[in-house]
Amino acid sequence: MLPFARVAIIGLGLIGSSIARAVRAEMPTVALSGYDADPETRETARAIGLCDDIADTPGAAVLDADLVILCVPVGAMGDAARAIADDLPADAVVSDVGSCKESVAKALAEALPDATIVPAHPVAGTERSGPEAGFATLFHHRWCILTPSEGTDPVAIERVSTFWKRLGATVETMEAAHHDRVLAITSHLPHLIAYTIVGTASDLEEVTASEVIKYSAGGFRDFTRIAASDPTMWRDVFLSNREAVLDMLQRFSEDLSALQRAIRWDKGDELFDLFTRTRAVRRSIVEQGQDDAAENFGRARD
């Protein structure tokens, strides 16, 4: 039995378009409607047949929906929710895909006080964006974290959980504040570091831009991939999850200072112990299927 019969997707970028494609592949009888604030994106979505209907207003997209998924930057969640408030069916479940949950849950509750809301975060993505960037298998073997508030209808939670499982995800439920601290260290801080390192490299006057590109080793290439992520989305993430990000950034700064001292004072044993521990973390990530063990830092073999 399908968890939902009519799904509306607000925001047709990488995640929204991937949800649409995954629904097509895994639940082909589900009716899909979509909306994006950008007229060009709507036209592209129509041209590629992303949904059964691409509406010209957010309200029109949700009129008959029993699940509405807001796939917009976290800073725009409140506005997106208010835009559908007058047309949202009373029995519809509202969810989202934002990587900050406390701020999003508050914004959605304020905009839609009578709605059934089950916040969600599919922990998946690429550096690409736009309706043509999505693909149906994006969520396969990836986590989707649900952060419903206390008192949320358990049937609605189970329906959203089943929906994501049908798209190939493994579902976990946790409290919103805990989610935000976990993601601050596993996702948000790495992006902040990547933006900083790539920015530092581009600012070095003694290293030309061509040399940075020409001699990029595996580590720097990986950082540039992360730093190519959508700037609007990540601006909103850092501002929406500022307390957890600043806490993790402070901890990172302290660890970085300790590493600096170890290098300065020739403490090779400390460096070796740290690198041994971090290598074990990498092995655990591969063993749990969150990445593969491909060699040579992602460079294609000749």
C-alpha atoms as a PDB file:
ATOM      1  CA  MET A   1       0.000   0.000   0.000  1.00  0.00           C
ATOM      2  CA  LEU A   2       1.313   3.451  -0.931  1.00  0.00           C
ATOM      3  CA  PRO A   3       1.917   5.851   1.974  1.00  0.00           C
ATOM      4  CA  PHE A   4       0.670   8.805  -0.129  1.00  0.00           C
ATOM      5  CA  ALA A   5      -1.306   9.061  -3.368  1.00  0.00           C
ATOM      6  CA  ARG A   6      -0.670  12.711  -4.292  1.00  0.00           C
ATOM      7  CA  VAL A   7       2.679  14.381  -3.591  1.00  0.00           C
ATOM      8  CA  ALA A   8       3.480  18.076  -4.102  1.00  0.00           C
ATOM      9  CA  ILE A   9       7.111  19.206  -4.277  1.00  0.00           C
ATOM     10  CA  ILE A  10       7.857  22.879  -3.614  1.00  0.00           C
ATOM     11  CA  GLY A  11      11.332  23.644  -4.939  1.00  0.00           C
ATOM     12  CA  LEU A  12      12.641  21.726  -7.948  1.00  0.00           C
ATOM     13  CA  GLY A  13      16.403  21.813  -7.466  1.00  0.00           C
ATOM     14  CA  LEU A  14      18.676  18.824  -6.910  1.00  0.00           C
ATOM     15  CA  ILE A  15      16.745  17.323  -3.987  1.00  0.00           C
ATOM     16  CA  GLY A  16      13.254  18.188  -5.214  1.00  0.00           C
ATOM     17  CA  SER A  17      13.893  16.869  -8.712  1.00  0.00           C
ATOM     18  CA  SER A  18      15.545  13.736  -7.298  1.00  0.00           C
ATOM     19  CA  ILE A  19      12.473  13.081  -5.144  1.00  0.00           C
ATOM     20  CA  ALA A  20      10.269  13.441  -8.225  1.00  0.00           C
ATOM     21  CA  ARG A  21      12.417  11.017 -10.217  1.00  0.00           C
ATOM     22  CA  ALA A  22      12.582   8.545  -7.340  1.00  0.00           C
ATOM     23  CA  VAL A  23       8.805   8.635  -6.904  1.00  0.00           C
ATOM     24  CA  ARG A  24       8.404   8.000 -10.640  1.00  0.00           C
ATOM     25  CA  ALA A  25      10.730   5.010 -10.381  1.00  0.00           C
ATOM     26  CA  GLU A  26       9.516   3.475  -7.127  1.00  0.00           C
ATOM     27  CA  MET A  27       5.855   4.565  -6.899  1.00  0.00           C
ATOM     28  CA  PRO A  28       4.787   5.261 -10.493  1.00  0.00           C
ATOM     29  CA  THR A  29       1.060   5.536  -9.699  1.00  0.00           C
ATOM     30  CA  VAL A  30       1.588   8.474  -7.309  1.00  0.00           C
ATOM     31  CA  ALA A  31       0.356  11.784  -8.748  1.00  0.00           C
ATOM     32  CA  LEU A  32       3.131  14.387  -8.726  1.00  0.00           C
ATOM     33  CA  SER A  33       2.772  18.159  -8.768  1.00  0.00           C
ATOM     34  CA  GLY A  34       5.560  20.675  -8.461  1.00  0.00           C
ATOM     35  CA  TYR A  35       6.353  24.347  -8.130  1.00  0.00           C
ATOM     36  CA  ASP A  36       9.485  26.475  -8.125  1.00  0.00           C
ATOM     37  CA  ALA A  37       9.756  30.214  -7.546  1.00  0.00           C
ATOM     38  CA  ASP A  38      12.027  30.563 -10.585  1.00  0.00           C
ATOM     39  CA  PRO A  39      10.024  30.698 -13.852  1.00  0.00           C
ATOM     40  CA  GLU A  40      12.964  29.275 -15.839  1.00  0.00           C
ATOM     41  CA  THR A  41      13.169  26.316 -13.486  1.00  0.00           C
ATOM     42  CA  ARG A  42       9.445  25.692 -13.923  1.00  0.00           C
ATOM     43  CA  GLU A  43       9.839  25.736 -17.705  1.00  0.00           C
ATOM     44  CA  THR A  44      12.759  23.325 -17.537  1.00  0.00           C
ATOM     45  CA  ALA A  45      10.769  21.019 -15.254  1.00  0.00           C
ATOM     46  CA  ARG A  46       7.889  21.044 -17.743  1.00  0.00           C
ATOM     47  CA  ALA A  47      10.220  20.395 -20.662  1.00  0.00           C
ATOM     48  CA  ILE A  48      11.750  17.310 -19.053  1.00  0.00           C
ATOM     49  CA  GLY A  49       8.405  15.997 -17.751  1.00  0.00           C
ATOM     50  CA  LEU A  50       9.545  16.068 -14.139  1.00  0.00           C
ATOM     51  CA  CYS A  51       6.023  15.995 -12.661  1.00  0.00           C
ATOM     52  CA  ASP A  52       2.498  15.354 -13.868  1.00  0.00           C
ATOM     53  CA  ASP A  53       1.809  19.046 -13.347  1.00  0.00           C
ATOM     54  CA  ILE A  54       4.060  22.052 -12.803  1.00  0.00           C
ATOM     55  CA  ALA A  55       1.971  24.803 -11.237  1.00  0.00           C
ATOM     56  CA  ASP A  56       2.562  28.530 -11.622  1.00  0.00           C
ATOM     57  CA  THR A  57       1.731  29.224  -7.968  1.00  0.00           C
ATOM     58  CA  PRO A  58       2.628  27.295  -4.813  1.00  0.00           C
ATOM     59  CA  GLY A  59      -1.012  27.177  -3.756  1.00  0.00           C
ATOM     60  CA  ALA A  60      -2.079  25.507  -6.989  1.00  0.00           C
ATOM     61  CA  ALA A  61       0.618  22.856  -6.545  1.00  0.00           C
ATOM     62  CA  VAL A  62      -0.704  21.681  -3.157  1.00  0.00           C
ATOM     63  CA  LEU A  63      -4.476  21.839  -3.742  1.00  0.00           C
ATOM     64  CA  ASP A  64      -5.028  18.060  -3.857  1.00  0.00           C
ATOM     65  CA  ALA A  65      -1.853  16.851  -2.148  1.00  0.00           C
ATOM     66  CA  ASP A  66      -1.751  14.489   0.800  1.00  0.00           C
ATOM     67  CA  LEU A  67       2.010  15.024   1.184  1.00  0.00           C
ATOM     68  CA  VAL A  68       3.746  18.364   0.623  1.00  0.00           C
ATOM     69  CA  ILE A  69       7.556  18.432   0.676  1.00  0.00           C
ATOM     70  CA  LEU A  70       9.276  21.811   0.942  1.00  0.00           C
ATOM     71  CA  CYS A  71      12.604  21.583  -0.906  1.00  0.00           C
ATOM     72  CA  VAL A  72      13.777  25.168  -0.525  1.00  0.00           C
ATOM     73  CA  PRO A  73      16.757  26.689   1.343  1.00  0.00           C
ATOM     74  CA  VAL A  74      16.212  26.572   5.104  1.00  0.00           C
ATOM     75  CA  GLY A  75      16.032  30.362   5.299  1.00  0.00           C
ATOM     76  CA  ALA A  76      13.074  30.318   2.900  1.00  0.00           C
ATOM     77  CA  MET A  77      11.036  27.605   4.664  1.00  0.00           C
ATOM     78  CA  GLY A  78       8.780  30.026   6.520  1.00  0.00           C
ATOM     79  CA  ASP A  79       7.923  32.003   3.382  1.00  0.00           C
ATOM     80  CA  ALA A  80       7.308  28.811   1.413  1.00  0.00           C
ATOM     81  CA  ALA A  81       4.987  27.500   4.102  1.00  0.00           C
ATOM     82  CA  ARG A  82       3.047  30.754   4.288  1.00  0.00           C
ATOM     83  CA  ALA A  83       2.646  30.697   0.507  1.00  0.00           C
ATOM     84  CA  ILE A  84       0.734  27.383   0.658  1.00  0.00           C
ATOM     85  CA  ALA A  85      -1.180  27.994   3.888  1.00  0.00           C
ATOM     86  CA  ASP A  86      -4.483  29.075   2.319  1.00  0.00           C
ATOM     87  CA  ASP A  87      -4.604  26.166  -0.145  1.00  0.00           C
ATOM     88  CA  LEU A  88      -3.193  23.347   1.962  1.00  0.00           C
ATOM     89  CA  PRO A  89      -5.694  20.468   2.411  1.00  0.00           C
ATOM     90  CA  ALA A  90      -6.617  19.927   6.038  1.00  0.00           C
ATOM     91  CA  ASP A  91      -5.501  16.282   5.997  1.00  0.00           C
ATOM     92  CA  ALA A  92      -2.189  16.855   4.188  1.00  0.00           C
ATOM     93  CA  VAL A  93       1.130  16.023   5.835  1.00  0.00           C
ATOM     94  CA  VAL A  94       3.814  18.687   5.438  1.00  0.00           C
ATOM     95  CA  SER A  95       7.500  17.771   5.393  1.00  0.00           C
ATOM     96  CA  ASP A  96      10.776  19.281   4.231  1.00  0.00           C
ATOM     97  CA  VAL A  97      14.370  18.336   3.362  1.00  0.00           C
ATOM     98  CA  GLY A  98      16.339  21.001   5.247  1.00  0.00           C
ATOM     99  CA  SER A  99      19.619  20.161   6.981  1.00  0.00           C
ATOM    100  CA  CYS A 100      18.743  22.350  10.008  1.00  0.00           C
ATOM    101  CA  LYS A 101      15.760  21.086  11.955  1.00  0.00           C
ATOM    102  CA  GLU A 102      15.128  23.294  15.011  1.00  0.00           C
ATOM    103  CA  SER A 103      14.809  26.525  13.032  1.00  0.00           C
ATOM    104  CA  VAL A 104      12.810  24.852  10.260  1.00  0.00           C
ATOM    105  CA  ALA A 105      10.391  23.177  12.679  1.00  0.00           C
ATOM    106  CA  LYS A 106       9.752  26.527  14.354  1.00  0.00           C
ATOM    107  CA  ALA A 107       9.213  28.312  11.038  1.00  0.00           C
ATOM    108  CA  LEU A 108       6.809  25.658   9.753  1.00  0.00           C
ATOM    109  CA  ALA A 109       4.835  25.529  13.015  1.00  0.00           C
ATOM    110  CA  GLU A 110       4.402  29.314  13.013  1.00  0.00           C
ATOM    111  CA  ALA A 111       3.325  29.432   9.368  1.00  0.00           C
ATOM    112  CA  LEU A 112       1.091  26.342   9.501  1.00  0.00           C
ATOM    113  CA  PRO A 113      -0.188  26.090  13.093  1.00  0.00           C
ATOM    114  CA  ASP A 114      -2.955  23.602  12.250  1.00  0.00           C
ATOM    115  CA  ALA A 115      -0.991  21.358   9.887  1.00  0.00           C
ATOM    116  CA  THR A 116       0.503  17.947  10.561  1.00  0.00           C
ATOM    117  CA  ILE A 117       4.253  18.500  10.187  1.00  0.00           C
ATOM    118  CA  VAL A 118       6.930  15.813  10.020  1.00  0.00           C
ATOM    119  CA  PRO A 119      10.323  17.470   9.362  1.00  0.00           C
ATOM    120  CA  ALA A 120      12.846  15.346   7.498  1.00  0.00           C
ATOM    121  CA  HIS A 121      16.436  15.540   6.305  1.00  0.00           C
ATOM    122  CA  PRO A 122      17.656  13.171   3.593  1.00  0.00           C
ATOM    123  CA  VAL A 123      21.418  13.120   4.136  1.00  0.00           C
ATOM    124  CA  ALA A 124      22.305  13.024   0.456  1.00  0.00           C
ATOM    125  CA  GLY A 125      23.331  15.428  -2.263  1.00  0.00           C
ATOM    126  CA  THR A 126      25.925  16.530  -4.762  1.00  0.00           C
ATOM    127  CA  GLU A 127      27.529  19.871  -5.591  1.00  0.00           C
ATOM    128  CA  ARG A 128      25.203  20.248  -8.581  1.00  0.00           C
ATOM    129  CA  SER A 129      21.865  22.078  -8.540  1.00  0.00           C
ATOM    130  CA  GLY A 130      18.795  22.609 -10.683  1.00  0.00           C
ATOM    131  CA  PRO A 131      16.005  20.349 -11.972  1.00  0.00           C
ATOM    132  CA  GLU A 132      18.276  18.569 -14.434  1.00  0.00           C
ATOM    133  CA  ALA A 133      20.787  17.659 -11.711  1.00  0.00           C
ATOM    134  CA  GLY A 134      18.509  15.212  -9.916  1.00  0.00           C
ATOM    135  CA  PHE A 135      18.557  11.446 -10.251  1.00  0.00           C
ATOM    136  CA  ALA A 136      16.302   8.688  -8.954  1.00  0.00           C
ATOM    137  CA  THR A 137      18.942   6.786  -6.980  1.00  0.00           C
ATOM    138  CA  LEU A 138      20.239   9.745  -4.957  1.00  0.00           C
ATOM    139  CA  PHE A 139      18.682   8.423  -1.729  1.00  0.00           C
ATOM    140  CA  HIS A 140      19.629   4.763  -2.124  1.00  0.00           C
ATOM    141  CA  HIS A 141      21.451   3.509   0.990  1.00  0.00           C
ATOM    142  CA  ARG A 142      21.499   7.012   2.463  1.00  0.00           C
ATOM    143  CA  TRP A 143      20.062   8.133   5.782  1.00  0.00           C
ATOM    144  CA  CYS A 144      16.898  10.164   6.073  1.00  0.00           C
ATOM    145  CA  ILE A 145      16.463  11.644   9.545  1.00  0.00           C
ATOM    146  CA  LEU A 146      12.973  12.503  10.801  1.00  0.00           C
ATOM    147  CA  THR A 147      12.641  15.030  13.640  1.00  0.00           C
ATOM    148  CA  PRO A 148       8.943  15.178  14.566  1.00  0.00           C
ATOM    149  CA  SER A 149       7.976  17.251  17.570  1.00  0.00           C
ATOM    150  CA  GLU A 150       6.429  15.690  20.645  1.00  0.00           C
ATOM    151  CA  GLY A 151       2.768  14.908  20.095  1.00  0.00           C
ATOM    152  CA  THR A 152       2.979  14.498  16.309  1.00  0.00           C
ATOM    153  CA  ASP A 153       0.521  11.945  14.950  1.00  0.00           C
ATOM    154  CA  PRO A 154       2.427   8.624  14.929  1.00  0.00           C
ATOM    155  CA  VAL A 155       0.523   7.507  11.835  1.00  0.00           C
ATOM    156  CA  ALA A 156       1.813  10.560   9.933  1.00  0.00           C
ATOM    157  CA  ILE A 157       5.371   9.829  11.101  1.00  0.00           C
ATOM    158  CA  GLU A 158       5.086   6.239   9.920  1.00  0.00           C
ATOM    159  CA  ARG A 159       3.711   7.333   6.536  1.00  0.00           C
ATOM    160  CA  VAL A 160       6.626   9.721   5.967  1.00  0.00           C
ATOM    161  CA  SER A 161       9.055   7.042   7.127  1.00  0.00           C
ATOM    162  CA  THR A 162       7.561   4.533   4.682  1.00  0.00           C
ATOM    163  CA  PHE A 163       7.740   7.109   1.885  1.00  0.00           C
ATOM    164  CA  TRP A 164      11.495   7.586   2.343  1.00  0.00           C
ATOM    165  CA  LYS A 165      12.113   3.868   2.685  1.00  0.00           C
ATOM    166  CA  ARG A 166      10.333   3.365  -0.643  1.00  0.00           C
ATOM    167  CA  LEU A 167      12.802   5.839  -2.161  1.00  0.00           C
ATOM    168  CA  GLY A 168      15.697   3.690  -0.943  1.00  0.00           C
ATOM    169  CA  ALA A 169      16.681   5.528   2.229  1.00  0.00           C
ATOM    170  CA  THR A 170      17.342   4.186   5.709  1.00  0.00           C
ATOM    171  CA  VAL A 171      15.227   6.133   8.185  1.00  0.00           C
ATOM    172  CA  GLU A 172      16.249   7.316  11.652  1.00  0.00           C
ATOM    173  CA  THR A 173      14.227   9.437  14.084  1.00  0.00           C
ATOM    174  CA  MET A 174      15.846  11.862  16.514  1.00  0.00           C
ATOM    175  CA  GLU A 175      15.208  15.059  18.415  1.00  0.00           C
ATOM    176  CA  ALA A 176      15.723  18.217  16.342  1.00  0.00           C
ATOM    177  CA  ALA A 177      18.377  19.826  18.557  1.00  0.00           C
ATOM    178  CA  HIS A 178      20.415  16.621  18.607  1.00  0.00           C
ATOM    179  CA  HIS A 179      20.174  16.390  14.820  1.00  0.00           C
ATOM    180  CA  ASP A 180      21.526  19.910  14.459  1.00  0.00           C
ATOM    181  CA  ARG A 181      24.569  19.160  16.622  1.00  0.00           C
ATOM    182  CA  VAL A 182      25.310  15.930  14.771  1.00  0.00           C
ATOM    183  CA  LEU A 183      25.038  17.577  11.356  1.00  0.00           C
ATOM    184  CA  ALA A 184      27.112  20.568  12.521  1.00  0.00           C
ATOM    185  CA  ILE A 185      30.147  18.306  12.807  1.00  0.00           C
ATOM    186  CA  THR A 186      29.432  15.785  10.038  1.00  0.00           C
ATOM    187  CA  SER A 187      28.265  18.217   7.342  1.00  0.00           C
ATOM    188  CA  HIS A 188      28.168  21.904   8.202  1.00  0.00           C
ATOM    189  CA  LEU A 189      31.685  22.298   9.637  1.00  0.00           C
ATOM    190  CA  PRO A 190      33.311  20.351   6.757  1.00  0.00           C
ATOM    191  CA  HIS A 191      31.613  22.674   4.286  1.00  0.00           C
ATOM    192  CA  LEU A 192      32.763  25.717   6.236  1.00  0.00           C
ATOM    193  CA  ILE A 193      36.334  24.397   6.246  1.00  0.00           C
ATOM    194  CA  ALA A 194      36.170  23.651   2.530  1.00  0.00           C
ATOM    195  CA  TYR A 195      34.947  27.149   1.704  1.00  0.00           C
ATOM    196  CA  THR A 196      37.749  28.572   3.842  1.00  0.00           C
ATOM    197  CA  ILE A 197      40.561  26.472   2.373  1.00  0.00           C
ATOM    198  CA  VAL A 198      39.522  27.095  -1.226  1.00  0.00           C
ATOM    199  CA  GLY A 199      39.120  30.797  -0.452  1.00  0.00           C
ATOM    200  CA  THR A 200      42.564  30.926   1.158  1.00  0.00           C
ATOM    201  CA  ALA A 201      44.137  29.267  -1.887  1.00  0.00           C
ATOM    202  CA  SER A 202      42.490  31.755  -4.218  1.00  0.00           C
ATOM    203  CA  ASP A 203      43.765  34.660  -2.098  1.00  0.00           C
ATOM    204  CA  LEU A 204      47.420  33.637  -2.054  1.00  0.00           C
ATOM    205  CA  GLU A 205      49.220  36.216  -4.166  1.00  0.00           C
ATOM    206  CA  GLU A 206      52.351  34.098  -4.491  1.00  0.00           C
ATOM    207  CA  VAL A 207      50.375  31.194  -6.023  1.00  0.00           C
ATOM    208  CA  THR A 208      48.679  31.912  -9.300  1.00  0.00           C
ATOM    209  CA  ALA A 209      45.210  30.603 -10.035  1.00  0.00           C
ATOM    210  CA  SER A 210      46.559  28.399 -12.799  1.00  0.00           C
ATOM    211  CA  GLU A 211      49.016  26.736 -10.415  1.00  0.00           C
ATOM    212  CA  VAL A 212      46.296  26.055  -7.841  1.00  0.00           C
ATOM    213  CA  ILE A 213      44.251  24.316 -10.518  1.00  0.00           C
ATOM    214  CA  LYS A 214      47.155  22.612 -12.295  1.00  0.00           C
ATOM    215  CA  TYR A 215      48.762  21.093  -9.228  1.00  0.00           C
ATOM    216  CA  SER A 216      45.641  20.266  -7.225  1.00  0.00           C
ATOM    217  CA  ALA A 217      46.263  17.117  -5.237  1.00  0.00           C
ATOM    218  CA  GLY A 218      43.480  14.784  -4.156  1.00  0.00           C
ATOM    219  CA  GLY A 219      42.748  16.598  -0.900  1.00  0.00           C
ATOM    220  CA  PHE A 220      42.346  20.016  -2.497  1.00  0.00           C
ATOM    221  CA  ARG A 221      40.214  18.564  -5.308  1.00  0.00           C
ATOM    222  CA  ASP A 222      37.835  17.119  -2.722  1.00  0.00           C
ATOM    223  CA  PHE A 223      37.604  20.475  -0.973  1.00  0.00           C
ATOM    224  CA  THR A 224      36.798  22.260  -4.251  1.00  0.00           C
ATOM    225  CA  ARG A 225      33.977  19.796  -4.903  1.00  0.00           C
ATOM    226  CA  ILE A 226      32.414  20.578  -1.533  1.00  0.00           C
ATOM    227  CA  ALA A 227      33.036  24.313  -1.965  1.00  0.00           C
ATOM    228  CA  ALA A 228      31.125  24.246  -5.272  1.00  0.00           C
ATOM    229  CA  SER A 229      27.850  23.599  -3.401  1.00  0.00           C
ATOM    230  CA  ASP A 230      24.922  25.986  -3.681  1.00  0.00           C
ATOM    231  CA  PRO A 231      25.889  29.282  -1.960  1.00  0.00           C
ATOM    232  CA  THR A 232      22.333  30.287  -1.038  1.00  0.00           C
ATOM    233  CA  MET A 233      21.613  26.974   0.624  1.00  0.00           C
ATOM    234  CA  TRP A 234      24.816  26.977   2.665  1.00  0.00           C
ATOM    235  CA  ARG A 235      24.546  30.615   3.683  1.00  0.00           C
ATOM    236  CA  ASP A 236      21.142  29.783   5.157  1.00  0.00           C
ATOM    237  CA  VAL A 237      22.418  26.605   6.815  1.00  0.00           C
ATOM    238  CA  PHE A 238      25.183  28.402   8.718  1.00  0.00           C
ATOM    239  CA  LEU A 239      22.883  31.202   9.854  1.00  0.00           C
ATOM    240  CA  SER A 240      20.041  28.852  10.796  1.00  0.00           C
ATOM    241  CA  ASN A 241      22.250  26.456  12.764  1.00  0.00           C
ATOM    242  CA  ARG A 242      24.630  29.096  14.091  1.00  0.00           C
ATOM    243  CA  GLU A 243      24.837  27.940  17.722  1.00  0.00           C
ATOM    244  CA  ALA A 244      25.771  24.348  16.923  1.00  0.00           C
ATOM    245  CA  VAL A 245      28.126  25.417  14.112  1.00  0.00           C
ATOM    246  CA  LEU A 246      29.891  27.957  16.329  1.00  0.00           C
ATOM    247  CA  ASP A 247      30.237  25.378  19.109  1.00  0.00           C
ATOM    248  CA  MET A 248      31.788  22.830  16.746  1.00  0.00           C
ATOM    249  CA  LEU A 249      33.961  25.527  15.161  1.00  0.00           C
ATOM    250  CA  GLN A 250      35.336  26.440  18.585  1.00  0.00           C
ATOM    251  CA  ARG A 251      36.149  22.798  19.308  1.00  0.00           C
ATOM    252  CA  PHE A 252      37.795  22.479  15.910  1.00  0.00           C
ATOM    253  CA  SER A 253      39.837  25.631  16.510  1.00  0.00           C
ATOM    254  CA  GLU A 254      41.125  24.205  19.788  1.00  0.00           C
ATOM    255  CA  ASP A 255      42.083  20.913  18.128  1.00  0.00           C
ATOM    256  CA  LEU A 256      43.741  22.816  15.284  1.00  0.00           C
ATOM    257  CA  SER A 257      45.801  24.795  17.796  1.00  0.00           C
ATOM    258  CA  ALA A 258      46.910  21.535  19.437  1.00  0.00           C
ATOM    259  CA  LEU A 259      47.927  20.192  16.037  1.00  0.00           C
ATOM    260  CA  GLN A 260      49.849  23.393  15.333  1.00  0.00           C
ATOM    261  CA  ARG A 261      51.756  22.980  18.607  1.00  0.00           C
ATOM    262  CA  ALA A 262      52.540  19.335  17.816  1.00  0.00           C
ATOM    263  CA  ILE A 263      54.061  20.312  14.482  1.00  0.00           C
ATOM    264  CA  ARG A 264      55.983  23.256  15.956  1.00  0.00           C
ATOM    265  CA  TRP A 265      57.477  21.198  18.785  1.00  0.00           C
ATOM    266  CA  ASP A 266      58.229  18.145  16.664  1.00  0.00           C
ATOM    267  CA  LYS A 267      55.794  15.867  18.514  1.00  0.00           C
ATOM    268  CA  GLY A 268      55.684  13.082  15.952  1.00  0.00           C
ATOM    269  CA  ASP A 269      54.024  10.585  18.281  1.00  0.00           C
ATOM    270  CA  GLU A 270      51.027  12.897  18.788  1.00  0.00           C
ATOM    271  CA  LEU A 271      50.662  13.378  15.035  1.00  0.00           C
ATOM    272  CA  PHE A 272      50.931   9.629  14.406  1.00  0.00           C
ATOM    273  CA  ASP A 273      48.296   8.840  17.046  1.00  0.00           C
ATOM    274  CA  LEU A 274      45.885  11.406  15.598  1.00  0.00           C
ATOM    275  CA  PHE A 275      46.324  10.168  12.041  1.00  0.00           C
ATOM    276  CA  THR A 276      45.835   6.570  13.191  1.00  0.00           C
ATOM    277  CA  ARG A 277      42.541   7.454  14.874  1.00  0.00           C
ATOM    278  CA  THR A 278      41.262   9.389  11.869  1.00  0.00           C
ATOM    279  CA  ARG A 279      42.183   6.541   9.528  1.00  0.00           C
ATOM    280  CA  ALA A 280      40.001   4.238  11.634  1.00  0.00           C
ATOM    281  CA  VAL A 281      37.086   6.658  11.263  1.00  0.00           C
ATOM    282  CA  ARG A 282      37.464   6.522   7.482  1.00  0.00           C
ATOM    283  CA  ARG A 283      37.440   2.715   7.550  1.00  0.00           C
ATOM    284  CA  SER A 284      34.245   2.739   9.615  1.00  0.00           C
ATOM    285  CA  ILE A 285      32.513   5.042   7.111  1.00  0.00           C
ATOM    286  CA  VAL A 286      33.412   2.685   4.261  1.00  0.00           C
ATOM    287  CA  GLU A 287      32.376  -0.403   6.250  1.00  0.00           C
ATOM    288  CA  GLN A 288      28.954   1.130   6.935  1.00  0.00           C
ATOM    289  CA  GLY A 289      28.395   1.772   3.240  1.00  0.00           C
ATOM    290  CA  GLN A 290      28.502   5.578   3.449  1.00  0.00           C
ATOM    291  CA  ASP A 291      31.302   5.687   0.854  1.00  0.00           C
ATOM    292  CA  ASP A 292      33.349   3.255  -1.198  1.00  0.00           C
ATOM    293  CA  ALA A 293      37.008   2.403  -0.903  1.00  0.00           C
ATOM    294  CA  ALA A 294      37.981   3.600  -4.395  1.00  0.00           C
ATOM    295  CA  GLU A 295      41.693   4.363  -4.491  1.00  0.00           C
ATOM    296  CA  ASN A 296      43.752   7.256  -5.855  1.00  0.00           C
ATOM    297  CA  PHE A 297      41.605  10.045  -4.378  1.00  0.00           C
ATOM    298  CA  GLY A 298      38.919   9.833  -7.035  1.00  0.00           C
ATOM    299  CA  ARG A 299      41.227  10.308 -10.031  1.00  0.00           C
ATOM    300  CA  ALA A 300      40.232   8.076 -12.946  1.00  0.00           C
ATOM    301  CA  ARG A 301      42.723   5.359 -13.840  1.00  0.00           C
ATOM    302  CA  ASP A 302      44.438   5.507 -17.212  1.00  0.00           C
END
